Amino acid sequence: MAITVGYIPHLSCEPFYFAAERRGITLSDMPPSGIAEALIQGTIAAGPVPLSDCFRLEEQCKYLSGFCVAMIRKAGSVLFHARQPIEALTGARIALPPTAGTAVQLLQMLLVLKYQVQVGAYVTPDGEYDAYLQVGNEALRRRGGVDGYPYLYDLGTEWYQWTHLPCVMARWMIRKDVERQPALIIEDMLYVGMQDWADGLFRSSPARDDLLMHPRDVLEYTQGIRYFIGVTEQRAIERFRQYLGQLPTP
């Protein structure tokens, strides 16, 4: 039986897929924003769902053990570039990437609830804007800053300073109609893959020219991520859900 899972091509998610080929699992490449719809349509059996989408999938899907992507004290790959300090962005035009999931709502929480900023408009990255959000590998490539945008904010750091909790970006979910044997194979892929990936990383962490990262950069970044939910991650999820309910309706 063919098993297909959603594949997010970000460095933070690479450990999940390290053993996929050995387990005979097919990977379907898609942005974070596409995972939830693919699960609803049944084109994938499981995948790392942005936390912002998890709550609306709870009737159709279930959580796959405690697998997650949680940034402990900083994200590194969820960055906000601005021409002005974040607290001075009332009335600003802010560009959002079309593929982001949790990061967009995290940014809105920080702007509205932490800094009491009233944004002028959220726009696409192909127009004029005063600040913009970057996520994933593109954010890692621009982690040193961008000309013309002197203010750089790591949203994982902003969240931690605000809540003193890690920032849970995604949780693995699986469709409830997936039979037990395929579900066990996916779960095994995650357990074994993460262990083998971590072992290889600590023995020899390669440079990542595609991300402009030296071996020590890769190691430092991945050491700042938790891949399994504990007590503090569960508290962070509850806090995120609470703040989500406080955001104004679009």
C-alpha atoms as a PDB file:
ATOM      1  CA  MET A   1       0.000   0.000   0.000  1.00  0.00           C
ATOM      2  CA  ALA A   2       1.420   3.365  -1.012  1.00  0.00           C
ATOM      3  CA  ILE A   3       1.776   5.836   1.839  1.00  0.00           C
ATOM      4  CA  THR A   4       2.133   9.540   1.063  1.00  0.00           C
ATOM      5  CA  VAL A   5       2.983  12.230   3.587  1.00  0.00           C
ATOM      6  CA  GLY A   6       3.330  15.974   3.227  1.00  0.00           C
ATOM      7  CA  TYR A   7       6.890  17.196   2.749  1.00  0.00           C
ATOM      8  CA  ILE A   8       7.826  20.733   3.810  1.00  0.00           C
ATOM      9  CA  PRO A   9      11.251  21.573   2.282  1.00  0.00           C
ATOM     10  CA  HIS A  10      12.562  23.539   5.262  1.00  0.00           C
ATOM     11  CA  LEU A  11      15.687  22.761   7.267  1.00  0.00           C
ATOM     12  CA  SER A  12      13.589  22.609  10.443  1.00  0.00           C
ATOM     13  CA  CYS A  13      11.579  19.702   9.008  1.00  0.00           C
ATOM     14  CA  GLU A  14      14.388  17.671   7.436  1.00  0.00           C
ATOM     15  CA  PRO A  15      14.763  15.215  10.369  1.00  0.00           C
ATOM     16  CA  PHE A  16      11.201  13.979   9.867  1.00  0.00           C
ATOM     17  CA  TYR A  17      11.955  12.612   6.419  1.00  0.00           C
ATOM     18  CA  PHE A  18      15.408  11.110   6.898  1.00  0.00           C
ATOM     19  CA  ALA A  19      14.090   7.525   6.911  1.00  0.00           C
ATOM     20  CA  ALA A  20      11.205   7.999   4.464  1.00  0.00           C
ATOM     21  CA  GLU A  21      12.822   6.239   1.517  1.00  0.00           C
ATOM     22  CA  ARG A  22      13.817   3.237   3.626  1.00  0.00           C
ATOM     23  CA  ARG A  23      10.221   2.913   4.826  1.00  0.00           C
ATOM     24  CA  GLY A  24       8.854   3.127   1.272  1.00  0.00           C
ATOM     25  CA  ILE A  25       6.997   6.360   1.997  1.00  0.00           C
ATOM     26  CA  THR A  26       6.267   8.818  -0.798  1.00  0.00           C
ATOM     27  CA  LEU A  27       6.866  12.495  -0.067  1.00  0.00           C
ATOM     28  CA  SER A  28       4.569  15.129  -1.526  1.00  0.00           C
ATOM     29  CA  ASP A  29       6.377  18.471  -1.699  1.00  0.00           C
ATOM     30  CA  MET A  30       4.224  21.416  -0.578  1.00  0.00           C
ATOM     31  CA  PRO A  31       4.402  24.666   1.397  1.00  0.00           C
ATOM     32  CA  PRO A  32       3.218  24.712   5.032  1.00  0.00           C
ATOM     33  CA  SER A  33      -0.007  26.400   3.971  1.00  0.00           C
ATOM     34  CA  GLY A  34      -0.868  23.427   1.735  1.00  0.00           C
ATOM     35  CA  ILE A  35      -0.679  20.650   4.326  1.00  0.00           C
ATOM     36  CA  ALA A  36      -4.120  21.122   5.879  1.00  0.00           C
ATOM     37  CA  GLU A  37      -5.964  21.142   2.560  1.00  0.00           C
ATOM     38  CA  ALA A  38      -4.061  18.074   1.358  1.00  0.00           C
ATOM     39  CA  LEU A  39      -5.140  16.225   4.507  1.00  0.00           C
ATOM     40  CA  ILE A  40      -8.748  17.309   4.042  1.00  0.00           C
ATOM     41  CA  GLN A  41      -8.717  16.158   0.408  1.00  0.00           C
ATOM     42  CA  GLY A  42      -7.001  12.894   1.324  1.00  0.00           C
ATOM     43  CA  THR A  43      -4.066  13.365  -1.046  1.00  0.00           C
ATOM     44  CA  ILE A  44      -1.718  12.766   1.891  1.00  0.00           C
ATOM     45  CA  ALA A  45      -2.132  10.515   4.924  1.00  0.00           C
ATOM     46  CA  ALA A  46      -0.183  12.679   7.370  1.00  0.00           C
ATOM     47  CA  GLY A  47       2.049  15.707   7.633  1.00  0.00           C
ATOM     48  CA  PRO A  48       3.388  18.503   9.835  1.00  0.00           C
ATOM     49  CA  VAL A  49       0.406  20.843  10.108  1.00  0.00           C
ATOM     50  CA  PRO A  50       0.942  24.527  10.978  1.00  0.00           C
ATOM     51  CA  LEU A  51      -0.395  25.067  14.490  1.00  0.00           C
ATOM     52  CA  SER A  52      -2.768  27.711  13.138  1.00  0.00           C
ATOM     53  CA  ASP A  53      -4.506  24.972  11.091  1.00  0.00           C
ATOM     54  CA  CYS A  54      -4.438  22.165  13.661  1.00  0.00           C
ATOM     55  CA  PHE A  55      -7.510  23.218  15.600  1.00  0.00           C
ATOM     56  CA  ARG A  56      -9.843  23.109  12.601  1.00  0.00           C
ATOM     57  CA  LEU A  57      -8.656  19.613  11.623  1.00  0.00           C
ATOM     58  CA  GLU A  58      -9.324  17.915  14.949  1.00  0.00           C
ATOM     59  CA  GLU A  59     -12.560  16.272  13.774  1.00  0.00           C
ATOM     60  CA  GLN A  60     -11.062  14.771  10.627  1.00  0.00           C
ATOM     61  CA  CYS A  61      -7.515  14.100  11.838  1.00  0.00           C
ATOM     62  CA  LYS A  62      -5.711  13.152  15.023  1.00  0.00           C
ATOM     63  CA  TYR A  63      -2.319  14.078  16.400  1.00  0.00           C
ATOM     64  CA  LEU A  64       0.478  11.655  15.568  1.00  0.00           C
ATOM     65  CA  SER A  65       2.028  10.950  18.963  1.00  0.00           C
ATOM     66  CA  GLY A  66       3.680  14.167  20.123  1.00  0.00           C
ATOM     67  CA  PHE A  67       5.725  15.053  17.046  1.00  0.00           C
ATOM     68  CA  CYS A  68       6.030  18.785  16.500  1.00  0.00           C
ATOM     69  CA  VAL A  69       8.314  21.646  15.498  1.00  0.00           C
ATOM     70  CA  ALA A  70       8.874  23.910  18.483  1.00  0.00           C
ATOM     71  CA  MET A  71      11.431  26.710  18.675  1.00  0.00           C
ATOM     72  CA  ILE A  72      12.821  26.876  22.204  1.00  0.00           C
ATOM     73  CA  ARG A  73      13.970  30.492  22.582  1.00  0.00           C
ATOM     74  CA  LYS A  74      14.348  31.786  19.033  1.00  0.00           C
ATOM     75  CA  ALA A  75      13.127  30.697  15.640  1.00  0.00           C
ATOM     76  CA  GLY A  76      16.006  31.619  13.339  1.00  0.00           C
ATOM     77  CA  SER A  77      13.760  30.955  10.357  1.00  0.00           C
ATOM     78  CA  VAL A  78      10.778  33.201  11.169  1.00  0.00           C
ATOM     79  CA  LEU A  79      12.034  36.754  10.713  1.00  0.00           C
ATOM     80  CA  PHE A  80      10.346  40.129  10.464  1.00  0.00           C
ATOM     81  CA  HIS A  81      12.190  42.905   8.593  1.00  0.00           C
ATOM     82  CA  ALA A  82      11.028  46.485   9.125  1.00  0.00           C
ATOM     83  CA  ARG A  83      11.977  50.020   8.154  1.00  0.00           C
ATOM     84  CA  GLN A  84      10.890  51.290  11.585  1.00  0.00           C
ATOM     85  CA  PRO A  85      10.798  49.821  15.100  1.00  0.00           C
ATOM     86  CA  ILE A  86       7.975  47.320  15.466  1.00  0.00           C
ATOM     87  CA  GLU A  87       6.138  49.456  18.020  1.00  0.00           C
ATOM     88  CA  ALA A  88       5.994  52.306  15.482  1.00  0.00           C
ATOM     89  CA  LEU A  89       4.300  50.359  12.680  1.00  0.00           C
ATOM     90  CA  THR A  90       0.742  51.604  13.184  1.00  0.00           C
ATOM     91  CA  GLY A  91      -0.613  52.397   9.724  1.00  0.00           C
ATOM     92  CA  ALA A  92       2.181  50.456   8.002  1.00  0.00           C
ATOM     93  CA  ARG A  93       1.843  48.160   5.003  1.00  0.00           C
ATOM     94  CA  ILE A  94       3.149  44.719   5.890  1.00  0.00           C
ATOM     95  CA  ALA A  95       3.920  42.029   3.322  1.00  0.00           C
ATOM     96  CA  LEU A  96       3.113  38.411   4.140  1.00  0.00           C
ATOM     97  CA  PRO A  97       4.440  35.359   2.274  1.00  0.00           C
ATOM     98  CA  PRO A  98       1.661  33.314   0.659  1.00  0.00           C
ATOM     99  CA  THR A  99       3.100  30.003   1.871  1.00  0.00           C
ATOM    100  CA  ALA A 100       3.379  30.756   5.605  1.00  0.00           C
ATOM    101  CA  GLY A 101       1.066  29.201   8.159  1.00  0.00           C
ATOM    102  CA  THR A 102       1.523  29.740  11.868  1.00  0.00           C
ATOM    103  CA  ALA A 103       4.041  32.538  11.323  1.00  0.00           C
ATOM    104  CA  VAL A 104       1.390  34.916   9.965  1.00  0.00           C
ATOM    105  CA  GLN A 105      -0.891  34.552  12.970  1.00  0.00           C
ATOM    106  CA  LEU A 106       2.090  34.700  15.310  1.00  0.00           C
ATOM    107  CA  LEU A 107       3.081  38.025  13.764  1.00  0.00           C
ATOM    108  CA  GLN A 108      -0.465  39.338  14.094  1.00  0.00           C
ATOM    109  CA  MET A 109      -0.560  38.346  17.773  1.00  0.00           C
ATOM    110  CA  LEU A 110       2.678  40.156  18.462  1.00  0.00           C
ATOM    111  CA  LEU A 111       1.617  43.290  16.596  1.00  0.00           C
ATOM    112  CA  VAL A 112      -1.918  43.520  17.975  1.00  0.00           C
ATOM    113  CA  LEU A 113      -1.675  42.049  21.464  1.00  0.00           C
ATOM    114  CA  LYS A 114       1.921  42.675  22.500  1.00  0.00           C
ATOM    115  CA  TYR A 115       2.689  45.988  20.791  1.00  0.00           C
ATOM    116  CA  GLN A 116      -0.874  47.357  20.248  1.00  0.00           C
ATOM    117  CA  VAL A 117      -0.042  48.155  16.629  1.00  0.00           C
ATOM    118  CA  GLN A 118      -2.881  48.801  14.189  1.00  0.00           C
ATOM    119  CA  VAL A 119      -1.570  47.740  10.791  1.00  0.00           C
ATOM    120  CA  GLY A 120      -2.600  49.823   7.801  1.00  0.00           C
ATOM    121  CA  ALA A 121      -2.810  46.838   5.458  1.00  0.00           C
ATOM    122  CA  TYR A 122      -1.453  43.355   4.904  1.00  0.00           C
ATOM    123  CA  VAL A 123      -0.205  43.055   1.329  1.00  0.00           C
ATOM    124  CA  THR A 124       1.552  40.634  -0.983  1.00  0.00           C
ATOM    125  CA  PRO A 125       5.349  40.772  -1.361  1.00  0.00           C
ATOM    126  CA  ASP A 126       5.145  42.003  -4.971  1.00  0.00           C
ATOM    127  CA  GLY A 127       4.028  45.536  -4.031  1.00  0.00           C
ATOM    128  CA  GLU A 128       5.184  48.376  -1.794  1.00  0.00           C
ATOM    129  CA  TYR A 129       5.486  47.750   1.929  1.00  0.00           C
ATOM    130  CA  ASP A 130       7.095  49.047   5.112  1.00  0.00           C
ATOM    131  CA  ALA A 131       7.887  45.675   6.663  1.00  0.00           C
ATOM    132  CA  TYR A 132       7.731  42.037   5.642  1.00  0.00           C
ATOM    133  CA  LEU A 133       7.743  38.529   7.055  1.00  0.00           C
ATOM    134  CA  GLN A 134      10.075  35.774   5.878  1.00  0.00           C
ATOM    135  CA  VAL A 135       9.913  32.119   6.866  1.00  0.00           C
ATOM    136  CA  GLY A 136      11.762  28.871   6.290  1.00  0.00           C
ATOM    137  CA  ASN A 137      14.931  28.530   4.269  1.00  0.00           C
ATOM    138  CA  GLU A 138      14.586  31.977   2.689  1.00  0.00           C
ATOM    139  CA  ALA A 139      14.577  33.517   6.166  1.00  0.00           C
ATOM    140  CA  LEU A 140      17.715  31.560   7.076  1.00  0.00           C
ATOM    141  CA  ARG A 141      19.453  32.917   3.993  1.00  0.00           C
ATOM    142  CA  ARG A 142      18.541  36.491   5.042  1.00  0.00           C
ATOM    143  CA  ARG A 143      19.200  36.065   8.761  1.00  0.00           C
ATOM    144  CA  GLY A 144      21.954  38.683   8.678  1.00  0.00           C
ATOM    145  CA  GLY A 145      19.514  41.404   7.679  1.00  0.00           C
ATOM    146  CA  VAL A 146      18.356  43.155   4.520  1.00  0.00           C
ATOM    147  CA  ASP A 147      19.403  46.540   3.133  1.00  0.00           C
ATOM    148  CA  GLY A 148      16.770  49.192   3.671  1.00  0.00           C
ATOM    149  CA  TYR A 149      15.189  47.324   6.581  1.00  0.00           C
ATOM    150  CA  PRO A 150      17.391  48.070   9.592  1.00  0.00           C
ATOM    151  CA  TYR A 151      15.062  46.515  12.165  1.00  0.00           C
ATOM    152  CA  LEU A 152      15.138  42.724  12.362  1.00  0.00           C
ATOM    153  CA  TYR A 153      12.944  40.696  14.699  1.00  0.00           C
ATOM    154  CA  ASP A 154      13.072  36.958  15.349  1.00  0.00           C
ATOM    155  CA  LEU A 155       9.450  36.061  16.081  1.00  0.00           C
ATOM    156  CA  GLY A 156      10.461  33.068  18.171  1.00  0.00           C
ATOM    157  CA  THR A 157      12.467  35.379  20.420  1.00  0.00           C
ATOM    158  CA  GLU A 158       9.604  37.867  20.547  1.00  0.00           C
ATOM    159  CA  TRP A 159       7.187  35.104  21.592  1.00  0.00           C
ATOM    160  CA  TYR A 160       9.565  33.732  24.240  1.00  0.00           C
ATOM    161  CA  GLN A 161      10.207  37.152  25.771  1.00  0.00           C
ATOM    162  CA  TRP A 162       6.447  37.712  25.891  1.00  0.00           C
ATOM    163  CA  THR A 163       5.287  34.309  27.207  1.00  0.00           C
ATOM    164  CA  HIS A 164       8.455  32.576  28.509  1.00  0.00           C
ATOM    165  CA  LEU A 165       7.319  29.557  26.508  1.00  0.00           C
ATOM    166  CA  PRO A 166       8.654  27.824  23.387  1.00  0.00           C
ATOM    167  CA  CYS A 167       7.012  28.642  20.081  1.00  0.00           C
ATOM    168  CA  VAL A 168       5.218  25.621  18.605  1.00  0.00           C
ATOM    169  CA  MET A 169       5.061  26.103  14.850  1.00  0.00           C
ATOM    170  CA  ALA A 170       3.589  22.781  13.712  1.00  0.00           C
ATOM    171  CA  ARG A 171       2.260  19.420  14.889  1.00  0.00           C
ATOM    172  CA  TRP A 172       2.111  16.148  13.008  1.00  0.00           C
ATOM    173  CA  MET A 173      -1.438  15.042  12.216  1.00  0.00           C
ATOM    174  CA  ILE A 174      -2.764  11.942  10.499  1.00  0.00           C
ATOM    175  CA  ARG A 175      -6.161  11.297   8.971  1.00  0.00           C
ATOM    176  CA  LYS A 176      -8.450   9.261  11.237  1.00  0.00           C
ATOM    177  CA  ASP A 177      -9.296   6.884   8.388  1.00  0.00           C
ATOM    178  CA  VAL A 178      -5.671   5.766   7.944  1.00  0.00           C
ATOM    179  CA  GLU A 179      -5.411   2.105   8.944  1.00  0.00           C
ATOM    180  CA  ARG A 180      -3.256   1.020  11.857  1.00  0.00           C
ATOM    181  CA  GLN A 181      -0.394  -0.552   9.883  1.00  0.00           C
ATOM    182  CA  PRO A 182       0.324   2.496   7.654  1.00  0.00           C
ATOM    183  CA  ALA A 183       0.026   4.734  10.714  1.00  0.00           C
ATOM    184  CA  LEU A 184       2.643   2.661  12.532  1.00  0.00           C
ATOM    185  CA  ILE A 185       4.967   2.861   9.519  1.00  0.00           C
ATOM    186  CA  ILE A 186       4.704   6.676   9.471  1.00  0.00           C
ATOM    187  CA  GLU A 187       5.301   6.855  13.206  1.00  0.00           C
ATOM    188  CA  ASP A 188       8.332   4.586  12.883  1.00  0.00           C
ATOM    189  CA  MET A 189       9.650   6.753  10.043  1.00  0.00           C
ATOM    190  CA  LEU A 190       9.557   9.761  12.338  1.00  0.00           C
ATOM    191  CA  TYR A 191      11.170   8.085  15.349  1.00  0.00           C
ATOM    192  CA  VAL A 192      13.950   6.361  13.411  1.00  0.00           C
ATOM    193  CA  GLY A 193      14.551   9.202  10.987  1.00  0.00           C
ATOM    194  CA  MET A 194      14.999  11.824  13.678  1.00  0.00           C
ATOM    195  CA  GLN A 195      17.384   9.613  15.631  1.00  0.00           C
ATOM    196  CA  ASP A 196      19.514   8.761  12.591  1.00  0.00           C
ATOM    197  CA  TRP A 197      19.507  12.362  11.381  1.00  0.00           C
ATOM    198  CA  ALA A 198      20.631  13.642  14.788  1.00  0.00           C
ATOM    199  CA  ASP A 199      23.372  11.009  15.044  1.00  0.00           C
ATOM    200  CA  GLY A 200      24.722  11.973  11.637  1.00  0.00           C
ATOM    201  CA  LEU A 201      24.531  15.682  12.414  1.00  0.00           C
ATOM    202  CA  PHE A 202      26.583  15.395  15.586  1.00  0.00           C
ATOM    203  CA  ARG A 203      29.190  13.183  13.903  1.00  0.00           C
ATOM    204  CA  SER A 204      29.601  15.381  10.864  1.00  0.00           C
ATOM    205  CA  SER A 205      27.459  18.434  10.286  1.00  0.00           C
ATOM    206  CA  PRO A 206      27.905  19.465   6.624  1.00  0.00           C
ATOM    207  CA  ALA A 207      27.974  23.014   5.368  1.00  0.00           C
ATOM    208  CA  ARG A 208      24.773  24.188   3.689  1.00  0.00           C
ATOM    209  CA  ASP A 209      25.746  26.480   0.849  1.00  0.00           C
ATOM    210  CA  ASP A 210      22.091  26.759  -0.200  1.00  0.00           C
ATOM    211  CA  LEU A 211      21.332  28.402   3.170  1.00  0.00           C
ATOM    212  CA  LEU A 212      24.666  30.240   3.578  1.00  0.00           C
ATOM    213  CA  MET A 213      25.243  28.225   6.749  1.00  0.00           C
ATOM    214  CA  HIS A 214      28.463  26.770   8.117  1.00  0.00           C
ATOM    215  CA  PRO A 215      28.337  23.426   9.978  1.00  0.00           C
ATOM    216  CA  ARG A 216      28.268  25.209  13.347  1.00  0.00           C
ATOM    217  CA  ASP A 217      25.331  27.331  12.148  1.00  0.00           C
ATOM    218  CA  VAL A 218      23.332  24.230  11.196  1.00  0.00           C
ATOM    219  CA  LEU A 219      24.097  22.593  14.528  1.00  0.00           C
ATOM    220  CA  GLU A 220      23.199  25.694  16.539  1.00  0.00           C
ATOM    221  CA  TYR A 221      19.947  26.152  14.637  1.00  0.00           C
ATOM    222  CA  THR A 222      18.772  22.562  15.027  1.00  0.00           C
ATOM    223  CA  GLN A 223      19.748  22.428  18.700  1.00  0.00           C
ATOM    224  CA  GLY A 224      17.229  25.216  19.244  1.00  0.00           C
ATOM    225  CA  ILE A 225      14.323  23.043  18.038  1.00  0.00           C
ATOM    226  CA  ARG A 226      12.267  20.492  19.957  1.00  0.00           C
ATOM    227  CA  TYR A 227      10.540  17.787  17.960  1.00  0.00           C
ATOM    228  CA  PHE A 228       8.335  16.271  20.635  1.00  0.00           C
ATOM    229  CA  ILE A 229       5.736  17.952  22.812  1.00  0.00           C
ATOM    230  CA  GLY A 230       6.385  18.229  26.528  1.00  0.00           C
ATOM    231  CA  VAL A 231       4.696  20.164  29.302  1.00  0.00           C
ATOM    232  CA  THR A 232       5.956  23.594  28.204  1.00  0.00           C
ATOM    233  CA  GLU A 233       5.057  22.955  24.570  1.00  0.00           C
ATOM    234  CA  GLN A 234       1.512  22.006  25.589  1.00  0.00           C
ATOM    235  CA  ARG A 235       1.237  25.202  27.615  1.00  0.00           C
ATOM    236  CA  ALA A 236       2.503  27.142  24.592  1.00  0.00           C
ATOM    237  CA  ILE A 237      -0.175  25.569  22.382  1.00  0.00           C
ATOM    238  CA  GLU A 238      -2.877  26.534  24.852  1.00  0.00           C
ATOM    239  CA  ARG A 239      -1.526  30.096  25.019  1.00  0.00           C
ATOM    240  CA  PHE A 240      -1.420  30.345  21.226  1.00  0.00           C
ATOM    241  CA  ARG A 241      -5.023  29.172  20.995  1.00  0.00           C
ATOM    242  CA  GLN A 242      -6.041  31.703  23.650  1.00  0.00           C
ATOM    243  CA  TYR A 243      -4.368  34.584  21.820  1.00  0.00           C
ATOM    244  CA  LEU A 244      -5.775  33.407  18.508  1.00  0.00           C
ATOM    245  CA  GLY A 245      -9.247  33.931  19.908  1.00  0.00           C
ATOM    246  CA  GLN A 246      -8.340  37.487  20.884  1.00  0.00           C
ATOM    247  CA  LEU A 247      -7.375  38.578  17.379  1.00  0.00           C
ATOM    248  CA  PRO A 248      -9.922  40.765  15.589  1.00  0.00           C
ATOM    249  CA  THR A 249     -11.978  39.007  12.941  1.00  0.00           C
ATOM    250  CA  PRO A 250     -10.728  39.849   9.419  1.00  0.00           C
END
